[in-house]
Amino acid sequence: MVRTKLILAILATLITSGATGLWLMISERQEAQERRQKFFGSTKEYPTSGGEKMKIEW
């Protein structure tokens, strides 16, 4: 009886720690992807009003 409870407790601990590790790994990948997009990505808005006119040089 005690042996069965011990095996179940160890099994539950292993499953819990494995699930936690997997969750942390997935969350770290998503954060890294968001940082990568923020750093390398460009803004989708290109303001064309205001500012200076282009000066043509010949």
Protein backbone atom coordinates (compact mmCIF):
# COMPACT_ATOMS: atom_id res chain seq x y z
CA MET A 1 0.00 0.00 0.00
CA VAL A 2 2.75 2.43 0.96
CA ARG A 3 4.81 1.41 -2.05
CA THR A 4 1.90 2.15 -4.42
CA LYS A 5 1.36 5.59 -2.89
CA LEU A 6 5.07 6.34 -3.17
CA ILE A 7 5.15 5.33 -6.83
CA LEU A 8 2.06 7.44 -7.57
CA ALA A 9 3.55 10.43 -5.73
CA ILE A 10 6.81 10.14 -7.70
CA LEU A 11 4.89 9.75 -10.96
CA ALA A 12 2.75 12.81 -10.22
CA THR A 13 5.87 14.83 -9.37
CA LEU A 14 7.56 13.83 -12.63
CA ILE A 15 4.50 14.68 -14.72
CA THR A 16 4.08 18.03 -12.98
CA SER A 17 7.73 19.01 -13.35
CA GLY A 18 7.74 17.93 -17.01
CA ALA A 19 4.64 19.96 -17.78
CA THR A 20 6.09 23.00 -16.00
CA GLY A 21 9.35 22.73 -17.93
CA LEU A 22 7.50 22.42 -21.22
CA TRP A 23 5.35 25.44 -20.42
CA LEU A 24 8.39 27.55 -19.53
CA MET A 25 10.17 26.52 -22.73
CA ILE A 26 7.16 27.41 -24.91
CA SER A 27 6.65 30.75 -23.16
CA GLU A 28 10.35 31.64 -23.60
CA ARG A 29 10.14 30.91 -27.34
CA GLN A 30 7.12 33.20 -27.71
CA GLU A 31 8.86 36.01 -25.82
CA ALA A 32 11.97 35.61 -27.94
CA GLN A 33 9.89 35.74 -31.12
CA GLU A 34 8.15 38.92 -29.95
CA ARG A 35 11.50 40.56 -29.13
CA ARG A 36 12.87 39.51 -32.54
CA GLN A 37 9.87 40.98 -34.36
CA LYS A 38 10.11 44.19 -32.37
CA PHE A 39 13.82 44.58 -33.09
CA PHE A 40 13.94 43.59 -36.76
CA GLY A 41 10.44 44.57 -37.81
CA SER A 42 9.49 47.93 -39.21
CA THR A 43 6.47 50.03 -38.55
CA LYS A 44 3.65 49.60 -41.00
CA GLU A 45 2.88 53.33 -40.94
CA TYR A 46 4.84 55.54 -43.28
CA PRO A 47 3.81 59.14 -42.66
CA THR A 48 3.97 61.18 -45.85
CA SER A 49 2.47 64.47 -44.72
CA GLY A 50 4.43 67.27 -43.08
CA GLY A 51 8.19 67.32 -43.15
CA GLU A 52 10.51 68.93 -45.67
CA LYS A 53 10.30 68.82 -49.43
CA MET A 54 13.03 66.99 -51.24
CA LYS A 55 15.80 69.21 -52.50
CA ILE A 56 16.97 68.23 -55.97
CA GLU A 57 20.71 68.42 -56.45
CA TRP A 58 22.08 68.54 -59.99
